[in-house]
Amino acid sequence: MAQSVVSRSLEARSGTSVIAPQTTRALLVCGVVSGPLFTLVAVVQVLTREGFDIRRHAISMLSLGDLGPIQIANFVGTGMLAIACAIGMRRMLSRGRGGTWGPLFICAYGLGLLTAGIFRTDPALGFPPGAAPAGLGAMSWHGTIHSLAFFVLFLAVIGACFVFARRFTALGQQGWAAFSVAIGLAAPALIVAGMVGPIGAGMPFLFAAVIAFGGVSAIAASLLNELPRTE
């Protein structure tokens, strides 16, 4: 009875539809842990992989070499967590604001990560050790798919940020709305800086990933906090 009262109160306040709260909670937790987990695994590799220089090499290049499967698993695992989070968002927001496009964008983000993990980028700039010291020439087919997946996943995160910014604004959660907009603007700015700036792609792309993936985790945490805390 108490659960029913809490659930109806939640729906009236935020326009959400709460279905099987514990299952929905577990799916949203997948989103909460996805960004920090990706960042932790990537940063450990940046600091320990022989020949890798974040000033020159993009984090996608960690998928190359003998230890490349670690980063491949990082991409794929984070993608699966993001897709689980999208399902949780859809279950929670099925009748609420952002309940269609928000989960779709997060799902596209997860699929982009999966694709980026399955199809590796090309060796370049001396990494992995033994690769040609020059930059990329003609891209391989799998390198092309990886690059397209990279842009799709970031576009999806940006789209999700603005969808959820509208939802937060409608609910009067101005702080979360401003946070979502900031993430949606900062991520593409860093991508552009990495592509055209003088310092190389490595650091800007890493910061873009940390900000964008962490932003998805934070939004998932905000939705998790709206769920009733007991069955």
Protein backbone atom coordinates (compact mmCIF):
# COMPACT_ATOMS: atom_id res chain seq x y z
CA MET A 1 0.00 0.00 0.00
CA ALA A 2 2.77 2.41 0.95
CA GLN A 3 4.63 1.49 -2.23
CA SER A 4 1.56 2.31 -4.31
CA VAL A 5 1.13 5.68 -2.64
CA VAL A 6 4.80 6.55 -3.16
CA SER A 7 4.72 5.46 -6.79
CA ARG A 8 1.60 7.51 -7.56
CA SER A 9 3.14 10.52 -5.84
CA LEU A 10 6.29 10.13 -7.93
CA GLU A 11 4.34 9.88 -11.16
CA ALA A 12 2.30 12.96 -10.31
CA ARG A 13 5.44 14.95 -9.52
CA SER A 14 7.72 14.01 -12.38
CA GLY A 15 5.58 12.32 -15.02
CA THR A 16 7.39 9.00 -14.64
CA SER A 17 6.02 5.50 -14.86
CA VAL A 18 7.56 3.23 -12.23
CA ILE A 19 7.54 -0.44 -13.21
CA ALA A 20 9.23 -3.14 -11.10
CA PRO A 21 11.29 -0.56 -9.16
CA GLN A 22 14.06 -2.93 -8.10
CA THR A 23 14.67 -4.09 -11.67
CA THR A 24 14.54 -0.53 -12.94
CA ARG A 25 16.91 0.52 -10.17
CA ALA A 26 19.42 -2.17 -11.14
CA LEU A 27 19.31 -1.09 -14.80
CA LEU A 28 19.90 2.56 -13.87
CA VAL A 29 22.79 1.54 -11.62
CA CYS A 30 24.42 0.09 -14.74
CA GLY A 31 24.41 3.61 -16.16
CA VAL A 32 25.73 5.13 -12.93
CA VAL A 33 28.82 2.88 -12.89
CA SER A 34 29.47 2.92 -16.65
CA GLY A 35 31.24 6.28 -16.93
CA PRO A 36 33.54 5.96 -13.89
CA LEU A 37 34.41 2.38 -14.84
CA PHE A 38 35.37 3.36 -18.38
CA THR A 39 37.47 6.26 -17.11
CA LEU A 40 39.27 4.15 -14.51
CA VAL A 41 40.20 1.40 -16.96
CA ALA A 42 41.30 3.92 -19.62
CA VAL A 43 43.40 6.05 -17.27
CA VAL A 44 45.20 3.02 -15.81
CA GLN A 45 46.15 2.01 -19.34
CA VAL A 46 47.21 5.54 -20.29
CA LEU A 47 49.62 5.50 -17.35
CA THR A 48 50.98 1.99 -17.88
CA ARG A 49 50.92 1.02 -21.57
CA GLU A 50 54.37 0.97 -23.09
CA GLY A 51 54.79 3.53 -25.85
CA PHE A 52 51.44 5.21 -25.29
CA ASP A 53 51.60 9.00 -25.05
CA ILE A 54 48.29 10.71 -24.30
CA ARG A 55 49.69 13.93 -25.75
CA ARG A 56 49.80 12.24 -29.16
CA HIS A 57 47.61 9.15 -29.06
CA ALA A 58 43.83 8.95 -28.80
CA ILE A 59 42.42 6.54 -26.21
CA SER A 60 40.90 4.46 -29.02
CA MET A 61 44.45 3.37 -29.86
CA LEU A 62 44.61 1.50 -26.56
CA SER A 63 42.63 -1.19 -28.42
CA LEU A 64 45.78 -1.99 -30.40
CA GLY A 65 48.70 -4.23 -29.49
CA ASP A 66 49.01 -7.27 -27.23
CA LEU A 67 47.03 -5.61 -24.42
CA GLY A 68 44.43 -4.19 -26.77
CA PRO A 69 41.72 -6.64 -25.62
CA ILE A 70 41.58 -4.74 -22.32
CA GLN A 71 40.36 -1.57 -24.02
CA ILE A 72 38.16 -3.54 -26.39
CA ALA A 73 36.47 -5.06 -23.35
CA ASN A 74 36.23 -1.57 -21.84
CA PHE A 75 34.38 -0.26 -24.90
CA VAL A 76 32.11 -3.29 -25.16
CA GLY A 77 31.39 -3.52 -21.42
CA THR A 78 30.59 0.18 -21.14
CA GLY A 79 28.34 -0.10 -24.18
CA MET A 80 26.40 -2.97 -22.64
CA LEU A 81 26.01 -1.05 -19.38
CA ALA A 82 24.74 1.98 -21.32
CA ILE A 83 22.17 -0.12 -23.19
CA ALA A 84 20.98 -1.60 -19.88
CA CYS A 85 20.69 1.95 -18.55
CA ALA A 86 18.63 2.97 -21.59
CA ILE A 87 16.21 0.13 -20.84
CA GLY A 88 15.95 1.31 -17.24
CA MET A 89 15.30 4.88 -18.37
CA ARG A 90 12.58 3.72 -20.74
CA ARG A 91 10.92 1.65 -18.01
CA MET A 92 10.95 4.60 -15.65
CA LEU A 93 9.98 7.33 -18.11
CA SER A 94 7.65 5.41 -20.41
CA ARG A 95 4.84 7.93 -19.80
CA GLY A 96 6.95 10.90 -18.80
CA ARG A 97 8.99 13.73 -20.27
CA GLY A 98 12.03 12.54 -22.20
CA GLY A 99 10.73 8.98 -22.11
CA THR A 100 11.15 8.37 -25.83
CA TRP A 101 14.16 10.26 -27.12
CA GLY A 102 16.22 10.16 -23.92
CA PRO A 103 16.45 6.34 -23.77
CA LEU A 104 16.87 6.14 -27.57
CA PHE A 105 19.87 8.46 -27.48
CA ILE A 106 21.42 6.55 -24.58
CA CYS A 107 20.86 3.27 -26.45
CA ALA A 108 22.54 4.74 -29.54
CA TYR A 109 25.45 5.82 -27.32
CA GLY A 110 25.78 2.25 -26.03
CA LEU A 111 25.62 0.78 -29.54
CA GLY A 112 28.29 3.25 -30.63
CA LEU A 113 30.57 2.06 -27.84
CA LEU A 114 29.96 -1.57 -28.78
CA THR A 115 30.77 -0.85 -32.40
CA ALA A 116 33.91 1.14 -31.48
CA GLY A 117 35.09 -1.84 -29.46
CA ILE A 118 34.41 -4.45 -32.12
CA PHE A 119 35.99 -2.46 -34.96
CA ARG A 120 39.42 -1.16 -33.99
CA THR A 121 41.13 2.02 -35.12
CA ASP A 122 44.34 1.89 -37.17
CA PRO A 123 47.93 1.96 -35.85
CA ALA A 124 49.67 5.33 -36.25
CA LEU A 125 52.13 7.72 -34.65
CA GLY A 126 54.37 4.91 -33.46
CA PHE A 127 51.68 3.08 -31.50
CA PRO A 128 51.58 0.24 -30.85
CA PRO A 129 55.38 -0.03 -30.69
CA GLY A 130 56.63 -0.85 -34.15
CA ALA A 131 53.90 1.07 -35.99
CA ALA A 132 54.88 3.72 -38.52
CA PRO A 133 55.77 7.04 -36.86
CA ALA A 134 53.60 9.03 -39.27
CA GLY A 135 49.94 9.86 -38.85
CA LEU A 136 47.08 7.99 -40.42
CA GLY A 137 47.12 7.48 -44.17
CA ALA A 138 44.22 5.84 -45.94
CA MET A 139 41.95 4.41 -43.27
CA SER A 140 41.10 0.72 -43.25
CA TRP A 141 37.47 -0.38 -43.41
CA HIS A 142 37.43 -1.22 -39.72
CA GLY A 143 39.14 2.06 -38.85
CA THR A 144 36.46 3.91 -40.82
CA ILE A 145 33.67 2.09 -38.95
CA HIS A 146 35.40 2.86 -35.64
CA SER A 147 35.57 6.57 -36.48
CA LEU A 148 31.92 6.67 -37.51
CA ALA A 149 30.94 4.90 -34.29
CA PHE A 150 32.97 7.44 -32.32
CA PHE A 151 31.04 10.35 -33.83
CA VAL A 152 27.67 8.61 -33.49
CA LEU A 153 28.17 7.88 -29.80
CA PHE A 154 29.17 11.46 -29.02
CA LEU A 155 26.28 12.88 -31.05
CA ALA A 156 23.97 10.55 -29.12
CA VAL A 157 25.32 11.76 -25.77
CA ILE A 158 24.88 15.39 -26.85
CA GLY A 159 21.30 14.68 -27.95
CA ALA A 160 20.54 12.92 -24.67
CA CYS A 161 21.92 15.84 -22.67
CA PHE A 162 19.56 18.32 -24.30
CA VAL A 163 16.57 15.97 -24.03
CA PHE A 164 17.15 15.57 -20.31
CA ALA A 165 17.89 19.27 -19.92
CA ARG A 166 14.33 19.95 -21.15
CA ARG A 167 12.96 17.39 -18.71
CA PHE A 168 14.87 18.86 -15.77
CA THR A 169 13.73 22.37 -16.72
CA ALA A 170 10.10 21.26 -16.85
CA LEU A 171 10.47 19.74 -13.38
CA GLY A 172 12.07 22.89 -11.99
CA GLN A 173 15.44 21.18 -11.49
CA GLN A 174 17.47 24.08 -12.85
CA GLY A 175 20.80 22.83 -11.54
CA TRP A 176 20.48 19.53 -13.35
CA ALA A 177 19.24 21.31 -16.46
CA ALA A 178 22.30 23.59 -16.48
CA PHE A 179 24.58 20.59 -15.87
CA SER A 180 23.10 18.70 -18.83
CA VAL A 181 23.47 21.69 -21.15
CA ALA A 182 27.07 22.19 -20.01
CA ILE A 183 27.91 18.57 -20.82
CA GLY A 184 26.16 18.84 -24.17
CA LEU A 185 28.27 21.89 -25.08
CA ALA A 186 31.62 20.89 -23.56
CA ALA A 187 31.90 17.46 -25.20
CA PRO A 188 31.70 18.66 -28.84
CA ALA A 189 33.96 21.63 -28.07
CA LEU A 190 36.65 19.24 -26.84
CA ILE A 191 36.21 16.98 -29.88
CA VAL A 192 36.69 19.95 -32.20
CA ALA A 193 39.73 21.08 -30.18
CA GLY A 194 41.26 17.63 -30.56
CA MET A 195 40.69 17.63 -34.32
CA VAL A 196 41.95 21.10 -35.16
CA GLY A 197 43.97 22.24 -32.15
CA PRO A 198 47.77 22.30 -31.91
CA ILE A 199 48.05 19.93 -28.94
CA GLY A 200 46.89 16.74 -30.66
CA ALA A 201 43.79 14.65 -30.17
CA GLY A 202 44.82 12.62 -27.14
CA MET A 203 44.07 14.88 -24.19
CA PRO A 204 40.97 16.60 -25.62
CA PHE A 205 39.44 13.27 -26.65
CA LEU A 206 40.14 11.79 -23.22
CA PHE A 207 38.57 14.78 -21.47
CA ALA A 208 35.59 14.62 -23.85
CA ALA A 209 35.06 10.96 -22.96
CA VAL A 210 35.38 11.61 -19.22
CA ILE A 211 32.91 14.50 -19.38
CA ALA A 212 30.39 12.87 -21.73
CA PHE A 213 30.41 9.40 -20.18
CA GLY A 214 30.44 10.87 -16.69
CA GLY A 215 27.51 13.08 -17.67
CA VAL A 216 25.47 10.04 -18.67
CA SER A 217 26.30 8.44 -15.31
CA ALA A 218 25.25 11.57 -13.44
CA ILE A 219 21.92 11.77 -15.29
CA ALA A 220 21.29 8.10 -14.54
CA ALA A 221 22.04 8.84 -10.87
CA SER A 222 19.53 11.69 -10.85
CA LEU A 223 16.82 9.40 -12.21
CA LEU A 224 17.81 6.68 -9.77
CA ASN A 225 17.29 9.13 -6.94
CA GLU A 226 13.69 9.67 -8.07
CA LEU A 227 12.75 6.02 -7.68
CA PRO A 228 11.00 4.87 -4.49
CA ARG A 229 13.55 3.41 -2.11
CA THR A 230 11.52 0.39 -0.96
CA GLU A 231 9.49 -2.31 -2.66
